[in-house]
Each structure stands twice: as C-alpha cells, then as structure tokens.
Amino acid sequence: MVMGLLLEPLPASCLAPAPPRPRGLRGLLARLQEVADAVRQLDDLEGRMRRAATQAIVREAYHQTVGEQEDEQRRPTAFAEAWKSHLAALLAQDTVKISGRSPITTEGRRPV
C-alpha cells in the first residue's frame, strides 16, 4: 500500500466498490455514463496537478525519513512517526522546494 501511494497517481477521491452493472440496454447506458464521467475527470487538470504536488511532498518526506533510517535504525512504528513529522514540517512551509521540480506552494495543504 505504501509503495502504491508513493509511486502510483493519486485518485481524485476514495472510490466505493461499484455495484454490479445491469445487463442489456440499461447496462450499456450505465457504461456510457461511466465513460462520460471519466472524460470529465480527465479534464480536471488543476485537480490532477494538485494531487501530483501533494504526492511529491509526501514522497519527499518519505525520502528524508529513509535517508535517516541508516543512522537511526528505527522500528516500523518509529519510522512512521518520523515520516509523519517530516511531512508535517514540509506542509508547514509556505513553499516546498523539491529537486527536479518547480517550487510547490503549500497554501491550502496545511495540517489541521
């Protein structure tokens, strides 16, 4: 699960399992509606960019924590807490600079 969060594109939202699709004409109409919804989601460029920036920040916090792991030798729970603290520190900044990317503005991503 962790590797999926770090490497795969983040979904727009958590999806609930889809109910079984009816057969026949109703099934075809349901499938056409799904395709139309997918096309609308592809047009959400701003949302995809926001999710990619958030994922880059999470990945940067993970890499910082992994970089410390060789010296610290943390157990999994301590590693998760260190990752969480690195992420909170990155989100507390107004702008996050990650190598290979333009600066990411964290406005609206601050922890509650």
N, C-alpha and C. Protein backbone atom coordinates (compact mmCIF):
# COMPACT_ATOMS: atom_id res chain seq x y z
N MET A 1 0.82 -1.19 0.00
CA MET A 1 0.00 0.00 0.00
C MET A 1 0.86 1.26 0.00
N VAL A 2 1.92 1.27 0.79
CA VAL A 2 2.79 2.44 0.87
C VAL A 2 3.41 2.71 -0.49
N MET A 3 3.92 1.68 -1.15
CA MET A 3 4.56 1.88 -2.45
C MET A 3 3.53 2.37 -3.48
N GLY A 4 2.30 1.92 -3.38
CA GLY A 4 1.26 2.42 -4.26
C GLY A 4 1.00 3.90 -4.06
N LEU A 5 1.01 4.34 -2.80
CA LEU A 5 0.81 5.76 -2.51
C LEU A 5 1.98 6.60 -3.00
N LEU A 6 3.17 6.04 -2.97
CA LEU A 6 4.34 6.80 -3.37
C LEU A 6 4.54 6.84 -4.88
N LEU A 7 4.17 5.79 -5.58
CA LEU A 7 4.52 5.68 -6.98
C LEU A 7 3.37 5.82 -7.96
N GLU A 8 2.16 5.42 -7.57
CA GLU A 8 1.03 5.49 -8.49
C GLU A 8 0.32 6.82 -8.35
N PRO A 9 -0.30 7.31 -9.43
CA PRO A 9 -1.06 8.57 -9.33
C PRO A 9 -2.17 8.45 -8.29
N LEU A 10 -2.36 9.52 -7.53
CA LEU A 10 -3.38 9.51 -6.50
C LEU A 10 -4.76 9.65 -7.13
N PRO A 11 -5.76 8.93 -6.62
CA PRO A 11 -7.12 9.09 -7.16
C PRO A 11 -7.73 10.41 -6.71
N ALA A 12 -8.74 10.85 -7.42
CA ALA A 12 -9.42 12.10 -7.06
C ALA A 12 -10.10 11.96 -5.71
N SER A 13 -10.61 10.79 -5.41
CA SER A 13 -11.23 10.53 -4.12
C SER A 13 -11.20 9.03 -3.88
N CYS A 14 -11.51 8.65 -2.66
CA CYS A 14 -11.60 7.22 -2.37
C CYS A 14 -12.88 6.70 -3.00
N LEU A 15 -12.74 5.67 -3.80
CA LEU A 15 -13.89 5.15 -4.53
C LEU A 15 -14.50 3.97 -3.78
N ALA A 16 -15.81 3.96 -3.72
CA ALA A 16 -16.52 2.82 -3.15
C ALA A 16 -16.65 1.77 -4.25
N PRO A 17 -16.73 0.50 -3.89
CA PRO A 17 -16.89 -0.52 -4.93
C PRO A 17 -18.18 -0.27 -5.72
N ALA A 18 -18.06 -0.40 -7.01
CA ALA A 18 -19.21 -0.14 -7.88
C ALA A 18 -20.21 -1.29 -7.78
N PRO A 19 -21.50 -0.96 -7.77
CA PRO A 19 -22.50 -2.02 -7.76
C PRO A 19 -22.47 -2.75 -9.10
N PRO A 20 -22.95 -3.98 -9.14
CA PRO A 20 -22.94 -4.71 -10.41
C PRO A 20 -23.78 -3.96 -11.46
N ARG A 21 -23.25 -3.93 -12.67
CA ARG A 21 -23.92 -3.22 -13.75
C ARG A 21 -25.05 -4.08 -14.32
N PRO A 22 -26.21 -3.47 -14.59
CA PRO A 22 -27.31 -4.25 -15.17
C PRO A 22 -26.96 -4.67 -16.60
N ARG A 23 -27.65 -5.67 -17.09
CA ARG A 23 -27.42 -6.17 -18.44
C ARG A 23 -28.31 -5.42 -19.43
N GLY A 24 -28.01 -5.64 -20.68
CA GLY A 24 -28.86 -5.11 -21.73
C GLY A 24 -28.66 -3.61 -21.93
N LEU A 25 -29.75 -2.95 -22.33
CA LEU A 25 -29.71 -1.53 -22.64
C LEU A 25 -29.35 -0.69 -21.41
N ARG A 26 -29.86 -1.06 -20.25
CA ARG A 26 -29.52 -0.33 -19.02
C ARG A 26 -28.04 -0.44 -18.71
N GLY A 27 -27.46 -1.61 -18.94
CA GLY A 27 -26.03 -1.79 -18.73
C GLY A 27 -25.21 -0.95 -19.68
N LEU A 28 -25.66 -0.89 -20.94
CA LEU A 28 -24.97 -0.07 -21.92
C LEU A 28 -25.03 1.41 -21.55
N LEU A 29 -26.19 1.86 -21.10
CA LEU A 29 -26.34 3.26 -20.68
C LEU A 29 -25.47 3.56 -19.45
N ALA A 30 -25.42 2.60 -18.53
CA ALA A 30 -24.57 2.79 -17.35
C ALA A 30 -23.11 2.88 -17.75
N ARG A 31 -22.68 2.04 -18.69
CA ARG A 31 -21.29 2.08 -19.16
C ARG A 31 -20.98 3.40 -19.87
N LEU A 32 -21.90 3.89 -20.68
CA LEU A 32 -21.71 5.18 -21.35
C LEU A 32 -21.60 6.31 -20.34
N GLN A 33 -22.38 6.24 -19.27
CA GLN A 33 -22.29 7.26 -18.23
C GLN A 33 -20.93 7.21 -17.53
N GLU A 34 -20.41 6.00 -17.28
CA GLU A 34 -19.09 5.86 -16.67
C GLU A 34 -18.02 6.47 -17.57
N VAL A 35 -18.12 6.23 -18.88
CA VAL A 35 -17.15 6.78 -19.82
C VAL A 35 -17.23 8.30 -19.83
N ALA A 36 -18.44 8.85 -19.82
CA ALA A 36 -18.62 10.30 -19.80
C ALA A 36 -18.03 10.90 -18.53
N ASP A 37 -18.24 10.24 -17.40
CA ASP A 37 -17.68 10.72 -16.13
C ASP A 37 -16.15 10.68 -16.17
N ALA A 38 -15.59 9.64 -16.78
CA ALA A 38 -14.13 9.52 -16.88
C ALA A 38 -13.56 10.64 -17.73
N VAL A 39 -14.24 11.00 -18.80
CA VAL A 39 -13.77 12.10 -19.65
C VAL A 39 -13.79 13.41 -18.87
N ARG A 40 -14.82 13.63 -18.08
CA ARG A 40 -14.87 14.85 -17.26
C ARG A 40 -13.73 14.88 -16.27
N GLN A 41 -13.38 13.73 -15.71
CA GLN A 41 -12.28 13.68 -14.75
C GLN A 41 -10.95 13.98 -15.42
N LEU A 42 -10.77 13.56 -16.67
CA LEU A 42 -9.53 13.85 -17.38
C LEU A 42 -9.37 15.35 -17.62
N ASP A 43 -10.48 16.07 -17.69
CA ASP A 43 -10.43 17.50 -17.90
C ASP A 43 -10.06 18.27 -16.63
N ASP A 44 -10.00 17.60 -15.50
CA ASP A 44 -9.69 18.25 -14.23
C ASP A 44 -8.18 18.38 -14.06
N LEU A 45 -7.56 19.19 -14.90
CA LEU A 45 -6.11 19.33 -14.88
C LEU A 45 -5.62 19.94 -13.57
N GLU A 46 -6.32 20.94 -13.07
CA GLU A 46 -5.90 21.59 -11.83
C GLU A 46 -5.92 20.60 -10.67
N GLY A 47 -6.95 19.78 -10.60
CA GLY A 47 -7.02 18.77 -9.54
C GLY A 47 -5.91 17.74 -9.65
N ARG A 48 -5.61 17.30 -10.87
CA ARG A 48 -4.53 16.33 -11.06
C ARG A 48 -3.18 16.95 -10.69
N MET A 49 -2.98 18.21 -11.03
CA MET A 49 -1.72 18.87 -10.68
C MET A 49 -1.59 19.03 -9.17
N ARG A 50 -2.70 19.35 -8.50
CA ARG A 50 -2.69 19.49 -7.05
C ARG A 50 -2.37 18.15 -6.38
N ARG A 51 -2.98 17.06 -6.89
CA ARG A 51 -2.70 15.74 -6.33
C ARG A 51 -1.26 15.32 -6.58
N ALA A 52 -0.72 15.65 -7.76
CA ALA A 52 0.67 15.31 -8.06
C ALA A 52 1.63 16.08 -7.16
N ALA A 53 1.32 17.35 -6.89
CA ALA A 53 2.17 18.14 -6.00
C ALA A 53 2.12 17.59 -4.58
N THR A 54 0.94 17.21 -4.13
CA THR A 54 0.80 16.62 -2.79
C THR A 54 1.57 15.32 -2.70
N GLN A 55 1.47 14.50 -3.74
CA GLN A 55 2.20 13.24 -3.76
C GLN A 55 3.70 13.47 -3.75
N ALA A 56 4.17 14.51 -4.44
CA ALA A 56 5.60 14.82 -4.45
C ALA A 56 6.07 15.23 -3.05
N ILE A 57 5.24 15.96 -2.32
CA ILE A 57 5.60 16.36 -0.96
C ILE A 57 5.66 15.14 -0.05
N VAL A 58 4.69 14.24 -0.17
CA VAL A 58 4.68 13.01 0.64
C VAL A 58 5.91 12.18 0.31
N ARG A 59 6.24 12.07 -0.98
CA ARG A 59 7.41 11.29 -1.41
C ARG A 59 8.71 11.91 -0.87
N GLU A 60 8.80 13.24 -0.87
CA GLU A 60 9.99 13.91 -0.35
C GLU A 60 10.15 13.63 1.15
N ALA A 61 9.06 13.68 1.90
CA ALA A 61 9.12 13.36 3.33
C ALA A 61 9.57 11.92 3.54
N TYR A 62 9.08 11.01 2.69
CA TYR A 62 9.48 9.60 2.78
C TYR A 62 10.98 9.45 2.51
N HIS A 63 11.48 10.12 1.47
CA HIS A 63 12.90 10.01 1.14
C HIS A 63 13.77 10.59 2.26
N GLN A 64 13.34 11.66 2.88
CA GLN A 64 14.09 12.22 4.01
C GLN A 64 14.16 11.21 5.16
N THR A 65 13.03 10.55 5.42
CA THR A 65 12.98 9.58 6.51
C THR A 65 13.83 8.36 6.19
N VAL A 66 13.78 7.89 4.95
CA VAL A 66 14.61 6.75 4.55
C VAL A 66 16.09 7.12 4.65
N GLY A 67 16.43 8.36 4.29
CA GLY A 67 17.81 8.81 4.39
C GLY A 67 18.34 8.77 5.81
N GLU A 68 17.50 9.01 6.77
CA GLU A 68 17.90 8.96 8.18
C GLU A 68 17.91 7.54 8.73
N GLN A 69 17.21 6.63 8.07
CA GLN A 69 17.00 5.28 8.60
C GLN A 69 18.31 4.53 8.80
N GLU A 70 19.29 4.73 7.93
CA GLU A 70 20.55 4.01 8.06
C GLU A 70 21.24 4.35 9.39
N ASP A 71 21.18 5.62 9.79
CA ASP A 71 21.81 6.02 11.05
C ASP A 71 20.93 5.71 12.25
N GLU A 72 19.64 5.88 12.10
CA GLU A 72 18.72 5.75 13.23
C GLU A 72 18.29 4.31 13.51
N GLN A 73 18.12 3.49 12.48
CA GLN A 73 17.64 2.10 12.63
C GLN A 73 16.35 2.04 13.44
N ARG A 74 15.35 2.78 12.97
CA ARG A 74 14.05 2.83 13.67
C ARG A 74 13.22 1.59 13.39
N ARG A 75 12.38 1.25 14.34
CA ARG A 75 11.39 0.20 14.15
C ARG A 75 10.26 0.78 13.31
N PRO A 76 9.38 -0.04 12.75
CA PRO A 76 8.33 0.48 11.84
C PRO A 76 7.46 1.57 12.44
N THR A 77 7.08 1.46 13.69
CA THR A 77 6.24 2.49 14.30
C THR A 77 6.99 3.82 14.43
N ALA A 78 8.24 3.74 14.83
CA ALA A 78 9.05 4.95 14.95
C ALA A 78 9.32 5.55 13.58
N PHE A 79 9.51 4.69 12.58
CA PHE A 79 9.73 5.17 11.21
C PHE A 79 8.50 5.94 10.73
N ALA A 80 7.31 5.39 10.99
CA ALA A 80 6.07 6.05 10.58
C ALA A 80 5.91 7.40 11.28
N GLU A 81 6.26 7.47 12.54
CA GLU A 81 6.18 8.74 13.27
C GLU A 81 7.18 9.75 12.72
N ALA A 82 8.39 9.30 12.38
CA ALA A 82 9.38 10.20 11.80
C ALA A 82 8.91 10.71 10.44
N TRP A 83 8.32 9.82 9.65
CA TRP A 83 7.78 10.20 8.34
C TRP A 83 6.69 11.26 8.51
N LYS A 84 5.83 11.02 9.49
CA LYS A 84 4.74 11.96 9.78
C LYS A 84 5.29 13.32 10.20
N SER A 85 6.33 13.33 11.01
CA SER A 85 6.89 14.61 11.45
C SER A 85 7.59 15.34 10.30
N HIS A 86 8.26 14.59 9.40
CA HIS A 86 8.86 15.21 8.22
C HIS A 86 7.78 15.81 7.31
N LEU A 87 6.70 15.09 7.15
CA LEU A 87 5.59 15.56 6.31
C LEU A 87 4.97 16.81 6.91
N ALA A 88 4.75 16.82 8.21
CA ALA A 88 4.18 18.00 8.88
C ALA A 88 5.11 19.20 8.73
N ALA A 89 6.42 18.97 8.83
CA ALA A 89 7.39 20.07 8.67
C ALA A 89 7.35 20.63 7.25
N LEU A 90 7.25 19.75 6.25
CA LEU A 90 7.17 20.22 4.87
C LEU A 90 5.88 20.99 4.61
N LEU A 91 4.78 20.49 5.15
CA LEU A 91 3.50 21.16 4.94
C LEU A 91 3.40 22.48 5.70
N ALA A 92 4.20 22.65 6.73
CA ALA A 92 4.19 23.91 7.49
C ALA A 92 4.89 25.03 6.73
N GLN A 93 5.71 24.67 5.74
CA GLN A 93 6.40 25.68 4.95
C GLN A 93 5.43 26.30 3.94
N ASP A 94 5.68 27.55 3.58
CA ASP A 94 4.86 28.20 2.55
C ASP A 94 5.17 27.66 1.17
N THR A 95 6.44 27.36 0.92
CA THR A 95 6.87 26.83 -0.37
C THR A 95 7.84 25.68 -0.12
N VAL A 96 7.62 24.58 -0.83
CA VAL A 96 8.49 23.41 -0.69
C VAL A 96 9.30 23.29 -1.97
N LYS A 97 10.62 23.22 -1.84
CA LYS A 97 11.49 23.06 -3.00
C LYS A 97 11.97 21.62 -3.04
N ILE A 98 11.60 20.92 -4.11
CA ILE A 98 12.00 19.54 -4.32
C ILE A 98 12.87 19.51 -5.56
N SER A 99 14.01 18.84 -5.49
CA SER A 99 14.91 18.83 -6.64
C SER A 99 14.21 18.23 -7.86
N GLY A 100 14.43 18.86 -8.99
CA GLY A 100 13.83 18.39 -10.23
C GLY A 100 12.42 18.91 -10.48
N ARG A 101 11.89 19.73 -9.59
CA ARG A 101 10.54 20.28 -9.73
C ARG A 101 10.58 21.77 -9.45
N SER A 102 9.58 22.44 -9.96
CA SER A 102 9.44 23.84 -9.59
C SER A 102 8.93 23.90 -8.15
N PRO A 103 9.14 25.02 -7.45
CA PRO A 103 8.68 25.12 -6.06
C PRO A 103 7.17 24.87 -5.95
N ILE A 104 6.78 24.18 -4.90
CA ILE A 104 5.37 23.84 -4.65
C ILE A 104 4.86 24.74 -3.54
N THR A 105 3.80 25.47 -3.82
CA THR A 105 3.17 26.31 -2.80
C THR A 105 2.23 25.41 -2.01
N THR A 106 2.35 25.46 -0.68
CA THR A 106 1.55 24.57 0.16
C THR A 106 0.29 25.21 0.68
N GLU A 107 -0.08 26.34 0.14
CA GLU A 107 -1.30 27.01 0.59
C GLU A 107 -2.48 26.07 0.40
N GLY A 108 -3.27 25.90 1.46
CA GLY A 108 -4.43 25.02 1.40
C GLY A 108 -4.10 23.58 1.72
N ARG A 109 -2.82 23.24 1.97
CA ARG A 109 -2.43 21.87 2.30
C ARG A 109 -1.92 21.76 3.72
N ARG A 110 -2.08 22.80 4.50
CA ARG A 110 -1.54 22.78 5.86
C ARG A 110 -2.31 21.78 6.72
N PRO A 111 -1.60 21.10 7.65
CA PRO A 111 -2.29 20.15 8.54
C PRO A 111 -3.25 20.90 9.45
N VAL A 112 -4.33 20.24 9.78
CA VAL A 112 -5.36 20.85 10.63
C VAL A 112 -5.00 20.65 12.07
